[in-house]
Amino acid sequence: MNFEELSAFAGRNPVYSLALVGLTAAIIGNELSRFFRSYKSLRPAEVTALINRDNALVVDLRPTADYQKGHIAGSKNVLMAQFDPESKQLAPAKALPIVLVCQSGNTVVGAAKRLKQAGFERVHILDGGIAAWQQAELPLVKGKH
């Protein structure tokens, strides 16, 4: 396909052409935003290494019932509605790496930004959330702790 054919197609199909341009811009924007955000997204194996190597604090932001059905060992359950970087659970951990966890990896973005604004320097999120952790066949523990 040459430029003339592509131009003719775009002229005959303006809706498809605009959709392609819009999707391309959205993908590029999303990828660029990864470079400029202040927290780091980690895969499950990287989270495991961070926990073992640097004693990272894992904060699970899912509802209590979901947390009790299965969570990462040693994680703390903090509800999003009660999430406060200055709380007694989080404030002492400013020097530690913190990994935020939710079900799919979307809810944690706002919490990560709040931690960075509060002065936490080593903020991470579990890319894909607990769903990615389970897909990687890593263990979860049940109950309150």
N, C-alpha and C. Protein backbone atom coordinates (compact mmCIF):
# COMPACT_ATOMS: atom_id res chain seq x y z
N MET A 1 0.85 -1.17 0.00
CA MET A 1 0.00 0.00 0.00
C MET A 1 0.90 1.24 0.00
N ASN A 2 0.64 2.15 -0.88
CA ASN A 2 1.43 3.37 -0.94
C ASN A 2 0.64 4.54 -0.35
N PHE A 3 1.26 5.69 -0.32
CA PHE A 3 0.66 6.86 0.31
C PHE A 3 -0.63 7.30 -0.40
N GLU A 4 -0.65 7.19 -1.74
CA GLU A 4 -1.84 7.61 -2.49
C GLU A 4 -3.05 6.73 -2.14
N GLU A 5 -2.84 5.42 -2.02
CA GLU A 5 -3.93 4.52 -1.65
C GLU A 5 -4.40 4.80 -0.23
N LEU A 6 -3.45 5.04 0.64
CA LEU A 6 -3.78 5.35 2.03
C LEU A 6 -4.57 6.65 2.13
N SER A 7 -4.16 7.65 1.38
CA SER A 7 -4.85 8.93 1.35
C SER A 7 -6.27 8.77 0.79
N ALA A 8 -6.40 7.97 -0.26
CA ALA A 8 -7.73 7.73 -0.86
C ALA A 8 -8.64 7.01 0.15
N PHE A 9 -8.10 6.03 0.88
CA PHE A 9 -8.88 5.31 1.88
C PHE A 9 -9.36 6.28 2.97
N ALA A 10 -8.44 7.14 3.43
CA ALA A 10 -8.79 8.11 4.47
C ALA A 10 -9.88 9.06 3.99
N GLY A 11 -9.83 9.45 2.72
CA GLY A 11 -10.85 10.33 2.16
C GLY A 11 -12.22 9.66 2.07
N ARG A 12 -12.22 8.37 1.77
CA ARG A 12 -13.49 7.63 1.66
C ARG A 12 -14.05 7.21 3.02
N ASN A 13 -13.19 7.13 4.04
CA ASN A 13 -13.60 6.62 5.36
C ASN A 13 -13.13 7.56 6.47
N PRO A 14 -13.72 8.75 6.55
CA PRO A 14 -13.23 9.72 7.54
C PRO A 14 -13.44 9.25 8.99
N VAL A 15 -14.51 8.51 9.25
CA VAL A 15 -14.76 8.05 10.62
C VAL A 15 -13.68 7.07 11.06
N TYR A 16 -13.34 6.12 10.18
CA TYR A 16 -12.29 5.15 10.50
C TYR A 16 -10.95 5.86 10.67
N SER A 17 -10.69 6.84 9.83
CA SER A 17 -9.43 7.57 9.89
C SER A 17 -9.31 8.33 11.21
N LEU A 18 -10.40 9.01 11.61
CA LEU A 18 -10.38 9.74 12.88
C LEU A 18 -10.24 8.78 14.06
N ALA A 19 -10.91 7.64 13.98
CA ALA A 19 -10.81 6.65 15.05
C ALA A 19 -9.37 6.15 15.17
N LEU A 20 -8.72 5.89 14.04
CA LEU A 20 -7.34 5.43 14.06
C LEU A 20 -6.41 6.48 14.66
N VAL A 21 -6.59 7.72 14.27
CA VAL A 21 -5.77 8.80 14.82
C VAL A 21 -6.02 8.95 16.33
N GLY A 22 -7.27 8.89 16.74
CA GLY A 22 -7.60 9.01 18.16
C GLY A 22 -7.01 7.88 18.99
N LEU A 23 -7.14 6.66 18.51
CA LEU A 23 -6.58 5.51 19.24
C LEU A 23 -5.06 5.59 19.31
N THR A 24 -4.45 5.98 18.23
CA THR A 24 -2.99 6.11 18.21
C THR A 24 -2.54 7.16 19.21
N ALA A 25 -3.21 8.29 19.25
CA ALA A 25 -2.87 9.35 20.20
C ALA A 25 -3.07 8.88 21.64
N ALA A 26 -4.14 8.14 21.90
CA ALA A 26 -4.41 7.64 23.25
C ALA A 26 -3.32 6.65 23.69
N ILE A 27 -2.91 5.78 22.82
CA ILE A 27 -1.87 4.81 23.15
C ILE A 27 -0.55 5.52 23.43
N ILE A 28 -0.19 6.46 22.58
CA ILE A 28 1.06 7.20 22.78
C ILE A 28 1.00 8.00 24.08
N GLY A 29 -0.13 8.64 24.35
CA GLY A 29 -0.29 9.40 25.59
C GLY A 29 -0.17 8.53 26.82
N ASN A 30 -0.77 7.36 26.77
CA ASN A 30 -0.70 6.43 27.90
C ASN A 30 0.74 5.97 28.15
N GLU A 31 1.44 5.65 27.09
CA GLU A 31 2.82 5.20 27.23
C GLU A 31 3.73 6.32 27.74
N LEU A 32 3.52 7.53 27.26
CA LEU A 32 4.32 8.66 27.73
C LEU A 32 4.06 8.96 29.20
N SER A 33 2.82 8.79 29.64
CA SER A 33 2.50 9.07 31.05
C SER A 33 3.24 8.14 31.99
N ARG A 34 3.57 6.93 31.54
CA ARG A 34 4.33 5.99 32.38
C ARG A 34 5.71 6.55 32.72
N PHE A 35 6.30 7.32 31.80
CA PHE A 35 7.62 7.87 32.04
C PHE A 35 7.60 9.00 33.07
N PHE A 36 6.50 9.71 33.18
CA PHE A 36 6.45 10.91 34.00
C PHE A 36 5.75 10.73 35.33
N ARG A 37 5.20 9.57 35.61
CA ARG A 37 4.54 9.39 36.89
C ARG A 37 5.58 9.17 37.98
N SER A 38 5.21 9.47 39.20
CA SER A 38 6.15 9.48 40.31
C SER A 38 6.24 8.16 41.06
N TYR A 39 5.51 7.17 40.66
CA TYR A 39 5.56 5.86 41.30
C TYR A 39 5.92 4.83 40.24
N LYS A 40 6.33 3.66 40.70
CA LYS A 40 6.77 2.63 39.78
C LYS A 40 5.81 1.45 39.81
N SER A 41 5.49 0.95 38.65
CA SER A 41 4.63 -0.22 38.50
C SER A 41 5.50 -1.47 38.46
N LEU A 42 5.18 -2.44 39.31
CA LEU A 42 5.98 -3.67 39.40
C LEU A 42 5.17 -4.90 39.05
N ARG A 43 5.81 -5.85 38.43
CA ARG A 43 5.20 -7.16 38.17
C ARG A 43 5.25 -7.99 39.46
N PRO A 44 4.43 -9.03 39.57
CA PRO A 44 4.40 -9.82 40.81
C PRO A 44 5.77 -10.32 41.27
N ALA A 45 6.60 -10.80 40.37
CA ALA A 45 7.92 -11.30 40.77
C ALA A 45 8.79 -10.17 41.33
N GLU A 46 8.65 -8.96 40.80
CA GLU A 46 9.41 -7.82 41.30
C GLU A 46 8.93 -7.42 42.70
N VAL A 47 7.62 -7.55 42.95
CA VAL A 47 7.08 -7.26 44.27
C VAL A 47 7.63 -8.26 45.28
N THR A 48 7.66 -9.52 44.92
CA THR A 48 8.20 -10.56 45.80
C THR A 48 9.66 -10.24 46.15
N ALA A 49 10.45 -9.86 45.17
CA ALA A 49 11.85 -9.53 45.41
C ALA A 49 11.97 -8.31 46.33
N LEU A 50 11.13 -7.31 46.13
CA LEU A 50 11.17 -6.10 46.96
C LEU A 50 10.79 -6.42 48.40
N ILE A 51 9.82 -7.29 48.59
CA ILE A 51 9.42 -7.70 49.94
C ILE A 51 10.58 -8.43 50.62
N ASN A 52 11.18 -9.37 49.92
CA ASN A 52 12.25 -10.17 50.50
C ASN A 52 13.55 -9.38 50.70
N ARG A 53 13.88 -8.50 49.77
CA ARG A 53 15.14 -7.78 49.81
C ARG A 53 15.08 -6.54 50.72
N ASP A 54 13.98 -5.77 50.61
CA ASP A 54 13.92 -4.48 51.29
C ASP A 54 12.82 -4.36 52.33
N ASN A 55 12.19 -5.48 52.69
CA ASN A 55 11.13 -5.48 53.70
C ASN A 55 10.02 -4.48 53.36
N ALA A 56 9.59 -4.50 52.11
CA ALA A 56 8.56 -3.57 51.65
C ALA A 56 7.25 -3.78 52.41
N LEU A 57 6.55 -2.67 52.64
CA LEU A 57 5.22 -2.72 53.23
C LEU A 57 4.21 -2.85 52.10
N VAL A 58 3.40 -3.89 52.16
CA VAL A 58 2.36 -4.09 51.15
C VAL A 58 1.04 -3.62 51.74
N VAL A 59 0.39 -2.68 51.06
CA VAL A 59 -0.88 -2.13 51.51
C VAL A 59 -1.96 -2.55 50.52
N ASP A 60 -2.89 -3.35 51.00
CA ASP A 60 -3.97 -3.88 50.18
C ASP A 60 -5.20 -2.98 50.36
N LEU A 61 -5.64 -2.37 49.27
CA LEU A 61 -6.74 -1.39 49.33
C LEU A 61 -8.10 -1.99 48.99
N ARG A 62 -8.20 -3.29 48.91
CA ARG A 62 -9.48 -3.92 48.59
C ARG A 62 -10.41 -3.94 49.80
N PRO A 63 -11.70 -4.14 49.56
CA PRO A 63 -12.63 -4.27 50.69
C PRO A 63 -12.22 -5.43 51.61
N THR A 64 -12.55 -5.30 52.89
CA THR A 64 -12.13 -6.28 53.89
C THR A 64 -12.53 -7.71 53.52
N ALA A 65 -13.73 -7.90 53.00
CA ALA A 65 -14.18 -9.25 52.64
C ALA A 65 -13.28 -9.86 51.56
N ASP A 66 -12.88 -9.07 50.57
CA ASP A 66 -11.98 -9.56 49.52
C ASP A 66 -10.60 -9.85 50.09
N TYR A 67 -10.13 -8.98 50.96
CA TYR A 67 -8.83 -9.16 51.61
C TYR A 67 -8.81 -10.47 52.39
N GLN A 68 -9.87 -10.75 53.14
CA GLN A 68 -9.92 -11.95 53.95
C GLN A 68 -10.00 -13.23 53.12
N LYS A 69 -10.53 -13.13 51.91
CA LYS A 69 -10.60 -14.30 51.02
C LYS A 69 -9.22 -14.70 50.50
N GLY A 70 -8.30 -13.74 50.45
CA GLY A 70 -6.95 -14.04 50.00
C GLY A 70 -6.15 -12.78 49.77
N HIS A 71 -4.99 -12.70 50.44
CA HIS A 71 -4.13 -11.52 50.32
C HIS A 71 -2.67 -11.94 50.39
N ILE A 72 -1.79 -11.03 50.02
CA ILE A 72 -0.36 -11.28 50.07
C ILE A 72 0.06 -11.35 51.54
N ALA A 73 0.85 -12.35 51.88
CA ALA A 73 1.28 -12.54 53.27
C ALA A 73 1.98 -11.28 53.78
N GLY A 74 1.59 -10.85 54.99
CA GLY A 74 2.19 -9.69 55.62
C GLY A 74 1.60 -8.36 55.20
N SER A 75 0.66 -8.36 54.28
CA SER A 75 0.09 -7.10 53.81
C SER A 75 -0.87 -6.52 54.85
N LYS A 76 -1.04 -5.21 54.79
CA LYS A 76 -1.97 -4.50 55.66
C LYS A 76 -3.19 -4.11 54.83
N ASN A 77 -4.36 -4.30 55.40
CA ASN A 77 -5.59 -3.93 54.70
C ASN A 77 -6.01 -2.53 55.14
N VAL A 78 -6.05 -1.61 54.18
CA VAL A 78 -6.50 -0.24 54.42
C VAL A 78 -7.57 0.05 53.38
N LEU A 79 -8.76 0.38 53.83
CA LEU A 79 -9.84 0.68 52.90
C LEU A 79 -9.59 2.02 52.21
N MET A 80 -9.92 2.11 50.94
CA MET A 80 -9.71 3.35 50.20
C MET A 80 -10.41 4.53 50.87
N ALA A 81 -11.60 4.29 51.42
CA ALA A 81 -12.35 5.37 52.08
C ALA A 81 -11.61 5.89 53.31
N GLN A 82 -10.74 5.07 53.89
CA GLN A 82 -10.01 5.46 55.09
C GLN A 82 -8.52 5.68 54.81
N PHE A 83 -8.15 5.70 53.53
CA PHE A 83 -6.74 5.84 53.17
C PHE A 83 -6.23 7.22 53.52
N ASP A 84 -5.20 7.26 54.37
CA ASP A 84 -4.61 8.53 54.79
C ASP A 84 -3.10 8.32 54.94
N PRO A 85 -2.28 8.99 54.13
CA PRO A 85 -0.83 8.82 54.23
C PRO A 85 -0.26 9.15 55.61
N GLU A 86 -0.98 9.95 56.39
CA GLU A 86 -0.49 10.33 57.71
C GLU A 86 -1.02 9.41 58.82
N SER A 87 -1.71 8.33 58.47
CA SER A 87 -2.26 7.43 59.48
C SER A 87 -1.15 6.72 60.24
N LYS A 88 -1.49 6.17 61.40
CA LYS A 88 -0.48 5.49 62.22
C LYS A 88 0.04 4.22 61.55
N GLN A 89 -0.72 3.65 60.61
CA GLN A 89 -0.25 2.48 59.87
C GLN A 89 0.76 2.85 58.80
N LEU A 90 0.59 3.99 58.17
CA LEU A 90 1.42 4.35 57.03
C LEU A 90 2.55 5.32 57.34
N ALA A 91 2.30 6.33 58.14
CA ALA A 91 3.29 7.38 58.39
C ALA A 91 4.66 6.84 58.85
N PRO A 92 4.71 5.84 59.74
CA PRO A 92 6.02 5.33 60.16
C PRO A 92 6.79 4.62 59.04
N ALA A 93 6.13 4.31 57.95
CA ALA A 93 6.76 3.55 56.87
C ALA A 93 7.32 4.43 55.75
N LYS A 94 7.47 5.73 56.01
CA LYS A 94 7.96 6.63 54.96
C LYS A 94 9.32 6.21 54.42
N ALA A 95 10.14 5.60 55.24
CA ALA A 95 11.48 5.20 54.81
C ALA A 95 11.48 3.86 54.06
N LEU A 96 10.41 3.12 54.18
CA LEU A 96 10.33 1.80 53.53
C LEU A 96 9.75 1.91 52.12
N PRO A 97 10.06 0.94 51.28
CA PRO A 97 9.32 0.88 50.02
C PRO A 97 7.89 0.43 50.33
N ILE A 98 6.94 1.02 49.66
CA ILE A 98 5.53 0.66 49.84
C ILE A 98 4.99 0.16 48.51
N VAL A 99 4.27 -0.94 48.57
CA VAL A 99 3.62 -1.50 47.39
C VAL A 99 2.12 -1.45 47.63
N LEU A 100 1.41 -0.74 46.77
CA LEU A 100 -0.05 -0.65 46.87
C LEU A 100 -0.68 -1.71 45.97
N VAL A 101 -1.71 -2.37 46.52
CA VAL A 101 -2.36 -3.48 45.83
C VAL A 101 -3.86 -3.26 45.83
N CYS A 102 -4.51 -3.57 44.71
CA CYS A 102 -5.97 -3.62 44.64
C CYS A 102 -6.33 -4.84 43.80
N GLN A 103 -7.55 -4.94 43.36
CA GLN A 103 -7.96 -6.13 42.61
C GLN A 103 -7.32 -6.20 41.23
N SER A 104 -7.35 -5.08 40.49
CA SER A 104 -6.89 -5.13 39.10
C SER A 104 -5.75 -4.17 38.79
N GLY A 105 -5.36 -3.34 39.73
CA GLY A 105 -4.26 -2.40 39.51
C GLY A 105 -4.70 -1.00 39.13
N ASN A 106 -6.00 -0.71 39.14
CA ASN A 106 -6.49 0.61 38.76
C ASN A 106 -6.76 1.53 39.95
N THR A 107 -7.28 0.99 41.03
CA THR A 107 -7.65 1.78 42.20
C THR A 107 -6.44 2.41 42.87
N VAL A 108 -5.30 1.77 42.78
CA VAL A 108 -4.12 2.19 43.52
C VAL A 108 -3.47 3.47 42.99
N VAL A 109 -3.80 3.88 41.78
CA VAL A 109 -3.14 5.04 41.18
C VAL A 109 -3.35 6.31 42.02
N GLY A 110 -4.57 6.57 42.43
CA GLY A 110 -4.85 7.75 43.25
C GLY A 110 -4.14 7.69 44.59
N ALA A 111 -4.11 6.51 45.19
CA ALA A 111 -3.43 6.34 46.47
C ALA A 111 -1.93 6.55 46.32
N ALA A 112 -1.36 6.07 45.23
CA ALA A 112 0.08 6.25 44.98
C ALA A 112 0.42 7.73 44.86
N LYS A 113 -0.41 8.48 44.17
CA LYS A 113 -0.18 9.92 44.02
C LYS A 113 -0.26 10.61 45.38
N ARG A 114 -1.21 10.21 46.21
CA ARG A 114 -1.36 10.82 47.54
C ARG A 114 -0.13 10.54 48.41
N LEU A 115 0.40 9.32 48.33
CA LEU A 115 1.60 8.99 49.11
C LEU A 115 2.79 9.83 48.66
N LYS A 116 2.96 9.98 47.36
CA LYS A 116 4.06 10.79 46.84
C LYS A 116 3.93 12.25 47.30
N GLN A 117 2.72 12.78 47.27
CA GLN A 117 2.48 14.16 47.72
C GLN A 117 2.77 14.32 49.21
N ALA A 118 2.60 13.23 49.97
CA ALA A 118 2.83 13.28 51.41
C ALA A 118 4.31 13.05 51.76
N GLY A 119 5.15 12.86 50.76
CA GLY A 119 6.59 12.73 51.02
C GLY A 119 7.14 11.32 51.01
N PHE A 120 6.33 10.35 50.69
CA PHE A 120 6.82 8.98 50.57
C PHE A 120 7.63 8.90 49.27
N GLU A 121 8.83 8.35 49.36
CA GLU A 121 9.70 8.37 48.19
C GLU A 121 9.70 7.08 47.39
N ARG A 122 9.49 5.96 48.03
CA ARG A 122 9.60 4.66 47.36
C ARG A 122 8.22 4.03 47.24
N VAL A 123 7.41 4.58 46.35
CA VAL A 123 6.03 4.13 46.17
C VAL A 123 5.95 3.27 44.90
N HIS A 124 5.32 2.11 45.05
CA HIS A 124 5.17 1.17 43.94
C HIS A 124 3.72 0.69 43.90
N ILE A 125 3.30 0.22 42.74
CA ILE A 125 2.00 -0.43 42.63
C ILE A 125 2.20 -1.79 42.00
N LEU A 126 1.34 -2.73 42.38
CA LEU A 126 1.36 -4.06 41.77
C LEU A 126 0.60 -3.98 40.46
N ASP A 127 1.33 -4.07 39.36
CA ASP A 127 0.74 -3.99 38.04
C ASP A 127 -0.22 -5.17 37.83
N GLY A 128 -1.48 -4.87 37.60
CA GLY A 128 -2.48 -5.92 37.40
C GLY A 128 -3.14 -6.38 38.68
N GLY A 129 -2.69 -5.87 39.82
CA GLY A 129 -3.31 -6.17 41.10
C GLY A 129 -3.24 -7.63 41.52
N ILE A 130 -4.12 -7.99 42.44
CA ILE A 130 -4.17 -9.36 42.95
C ILE A 130 -4.46 -10.35 41.82
N ALA A 131 -5.20 -9.91 40.82
CA ALA A 131 -5.47 -10.78 39.68
C ALA A 131 -4.17 -11.20 39.01
N ALA A 132 -3.22 -10.29 38.85
CA ALA A 132 -1.92 -10.62 38.25
C ALA A 132 -1.12 -11.52 39.18
N TRP A 133 -1.23 -11.27 40.48
CA TRP A 133 -0.53 -12.10 41.47
C TRP A 133 -1.02 -13.55 41.37
N GLN A 134 -2.33 -13.73 41.27
CA GLN A 134 -2.90 -15.06 41.15
C GLN A 134 -2.53 -15.70 39.82
N GLN A 135 -2.52 -14.91 38.76
CA GLN A 135 -2.15 -15.44 37.45
C GLN A 135 -0.70 -15.91 37.44
N ALA A 136 0.15 -15.27 38.24
CA ALA A 136 1.55 -15.67 38.36
C ALA A 136 1.70 -16.88 39.29
N GLU A 137 0.57 -17.37 39.82
CA GLU A 137 0.51 -18.53 40.70
C GLU A 137 1.32 -18.34 41.97
N LEU A 138 1.28 -17.11 42.49
CA LEU A 138 1.93 -16.82 43.76
C LEU A 138 0.92 -17.00 44.89
N PRO A 139 1.39 -17.35 46.08
CA PRO A 139 0.46 -17.70 47.16
C PRO A 139 -0.27 -16.51 47.77
N LEU A 140 -1.48 -16.78 48.24
CA LEU A 140 -2.27 -15.83 49.01
C LEU A 140 -2.61 -16.51 50.32
N VAL A 141 -2.75 -15.70 51.38
CA VAL A 141 -3.19 -16.24 52.66
C VAL A 141 -4.60 -15.76 52.93
N LYS A 142 -5.36 -16.54 53.67
CA LYS A 142 -6.74 -16.20 54.00
C LYS A 142 -6.84 -15.70 55.43
N GLY A 143 -7.88 -14.96 55.72
CA GLY A 143 -8.11 -14.48 57.08
C GLY A 143 -7.76 -13.02 57.24
N LYS A 144 -7.69 -12.60 58.51
CA LYS A 144 -7.47 -11.18 58.83
C LYS A 144 -6.01 -10.77 58.70
N HIS A 145 -5.05 -11.64 58.91
CA HIS A 145 -3.64 -11.24 58.89
C HIS A 145 -3.00 -11.70 57.62
